[in-house]
C-alpha cells in the first residue's frame, strides 16, 4: 500500500468541502485512478470532470502517471477568468491533438481549430536528426496562460488549449498543439495564429537542433530570420 495526498482548489475544493485528503492505494496506482476514486466519493465533481487537470508533485501530469508513496496529486480546475476554460501544459509525453480538441469543444462553438507544430527533418540547409526542447516549465505555463487570456480579450474566445512538449523529439513528432473553439471560424484562425506567434516570442522554451555532423541551440524563428537578413545585407 502507498499513501497519496490529494489537494483540491477553487471549484473542486467547494465541491469536496475540504482542501486535502490522505488516501491509500495499491502499488501501481495512477493519477487518473486517484481522480476516479475522488469522483466516486464526491459525485458533485463528476459534472466538471472533463475540465479538471492533474498535477503530481506540482507538475502537470497525464492521467497515466504512476504514483509513488508520498506523492501529492492536485485536482486543478481550469486556469481562467470568468467563463473561460484553458488547458495549459508543458509535458514530456507525446501530444494528442484529439485531447486538446476535446478540452475546448463546446456546443456553443461552430469552429474547433487545431494547429500542430511538428519537427522538420531539415532546417537552415541541414538535415535534422532530432530536436531537444528545454523549458522553464512553471514560467512557460504562466506565459501560455497569459497568451490564452490575450485571445479571450481580443476575440472573445474563451476555450483555448496550448500544450508544448519537452525532451528529445524526432522528425515528424509533434512539439506543440494549440486548439481553440469559437462560434465562428475567422476568429478561430486568427486566434491560433496569434497563439503560436506569441508563444515563439515570449514563452521560455528553447530547442537544440541536432544534425548529422553537429548541433546548435536555436532562438526564435523571428530572430533567426532577422539574423539571416542581416547576414545577407537585407532590410528586416
Foldseek 3Di string as FASTA:
>chain_A
DAKEKEAEDDPRCVQLVHGIDIDDDDAFQFQLNVVVVVCVVRVVCVVQVLQWFKDKQNATDDRNHGDDHPIYIYTDGAPFPDPFGEAFHEEQDADDQVSLQSQQDDPLFPDKDKDWDFDAQDDPHAGFFKKAKDAPTVQLRVVLVVLLVVLCVPPVFRGKYKYAYGGIGGGPTTGIMIITTHNDPVSRVVSVVSSVVVSLVDGGMWMWTAGPVGIGTDHGPVVVVCVVCVVVVHDD
